[in-house]
Amino acid sequence: KTDFINFISDQEWKSIEPVSSWFGPSSFLMSSMSALFQLSMWIRHCHGYLTENVGIPVWGSYAVFALATLFSGLILGLVSGALETDWLV
């Protein structure tokens, strides 16, 4: 506590270089990192639910996530291809 008070009263904070806008808490990069972390926690929760509550074996849960990854990649690829060829527009 004393160090913090001295840091403020002695104005040592003026000598510190500001954080780049890329690494600020509200930047796109940090918001994306936060979203990825939240996604990983949600996947972990789903894995726990599938293995503990539903009774699916661990390899079965991994298979579910592998299929979900494949299908989401397929859908994103189709949407990306459709947007490139102006099929939807």
Protein backbone atom coordinates (compact mmCIF):
# COMPACT_ATOMS: atom_id res chain seq x y z
CA LYS A 1 0.00 0.00 0.00
CA THR A 2 2.79 2.39 0.88
CA ASP A 3 4.59 1.69 -2.41
CA PHE A 4 1.44 2.50 -4.36
CA ILE A 5 0.89 5.76 -2.48
CA ASN A 6 4.52 6.74 -3.09
CA PHE A 7 4.15 5.81 -6.76
CA ILE A 8 1.25 8.26 -7.08
CA SER A 9 2.53 11.05 -4.84
CA ASP A 10 6.04 11.04 -6.38
CA GLN A 11 4.44 11.00 -9.86
CA GLU A 12 6.49 8.01 -10.94
CA TRP A 13 3.62 7.03 -13.21
CA LYS A 14 4.65 9.76 -15.66
CA SER A 15 7.83 7.87 -16.53
CA ILE A 16 5.94 4.72 -17.59
CA GLU A 17 5.30 4.25 -21.29
CA PRO A 18 1.61 3.79 -22.17
CA VAL A 19 0.36 0.43 -23.39
CA SER A 20 -0.04 0.11 -27.13
CA SER A 21 -3.62 0.31 -28.37
CA TRP A 22 -3.28 -3.26 -29.67
CA PHE A 23 -2.85 -4.56 -26.13
CA GLY A 24 -5.40 -2.35 -24.41
CA PRO A 25 -8.25 -4.15 -22.62
CA SER A 26 -10.88 -2.91 -25.07
CA SER A 27 -8.89 -3.58 -28.26
CA PHE A 28 -10.03 -6.03 -30.92
CA LEU A 29 -7.10 -8.33 -30.15
CA MET A 30 -7.85 -8.60 -26.44
CA SER A 31 -11.59 -8.94 -27.04
CA SER A 32 -10.86 -11.82 -29.42
CA MET A 33 -8.59 -13.47 -26.87
CA SER A 34 -11.32 -13.14 -24.25
CA ALA A 35 -13.88 -14.69 -26.60
CA LEU A 36 -11.56 -17.63 -27.33
CA PHE A 37 -11.01 -18.18 -23.61
CA GLN A 38 -14.77 -18.12 -22.97
CA LEU A 39 -15.27 -20.58 -25.84
CA SER A 40 -12.68 -22.95 -24.38
CA MET A 41 -14.40 -22.79 -20.97
CA TRP A 42 -17.77 -23.52 -22.60
CA ILE A 43 -16.30 -26.51 -24.46
CA ARG A 44 -14.78 -27.77 -21.21
CA HIS A 45 -18.18 -27.43 -19.51
CA CYS A 46 -19.88 -29.30 -22.36
CA HIS A 47 -17.27 -32.06 -22.21
CA GLY A 48 -17.85 -32.44 -18.47
CA TYR A 49 -21.60 -32.53 -18.99
CA LEU A 50 -21.36 -35.15 -21.73
CA THR A 51 -19.02 -37.42 -19.78
CA GLU A 52 -20.46 -37.01 -16.27
CA ASN A 53 -24.19 -36.41 -16.71
CA VAL A 54 -24.99 -38.08 -20.02
CA GLY A 55 -22.54 -40.93 -19.56
CA ILE A 56 -20.77 -40.71 -22.91
CA PRO A 57 -17.21 -42.06 -22.73
CA VAL A 58 -14.37 -39.58 -23.13
CA TRP A 59 -13.56 -40.79 -26.64
CA GLY A 60 -17.23 -40.30 -27.56
CA SER A 61 -17.15 -36.73 -26.34
CA TYR A 62 -14.02 -36.11 -28.39
CA ALA A 63 -15.77 -37.60 -31.42
CA VAL A 64 -18.74 -35.25 -30.90
CA PHE A 65 -16.43 -32.23 -30.80
CA ALA A 66 -14.47 -33.47 -33.82
CA LEU A 67 -17.67 -33.83 -35.85
CA ALA A 68 -18.89 -30.42 -34.69
CA THR A 69 -15.56 -28.92 -35.79
CA LEU A 70 -15.79 -30.61 -39.20
CA PHE A 71 -19.38 -29.52 -39.80
CA SER A 72 -18.76 -25.94 -38.67
CA GLY A 73 -15.73 -25.79 -41.00
CA LEU A 74 -17.86 -27.15 -43.83
CA ILE A 75 -20.57 -24.55 -43.23
CA LEU A 76 -18.07 -21.70 -42.93
CA GLY A 77 -16.36 -22.87 -46.12
CA LEU A 78 -19.64 -22.99 -48.00
CA VAL A 79 -20.65 -19.54 -46.78
CA SER A 80 -17.22 -18.16 -47.65
CA GLY A 81 -17.36 -19.69 -51.12
CA ALA A 82 -20.88 -18.42 -51.67
CA LEU A 83 -19.87 -14.90 -50.69
CA GLU A 84 -16.86 -15.00 -53.02
CA THR A 85 -18.98 -15.95 -56.02
CA ASP A 86 -21.83 -13.55 -55.18
CA TRP A 87 -24.14 -16.56 -54.96
CA LEU A 88 -26.07 -15.14 -52.01
CA VAL A 89 -26.12 -11.55 -53.21
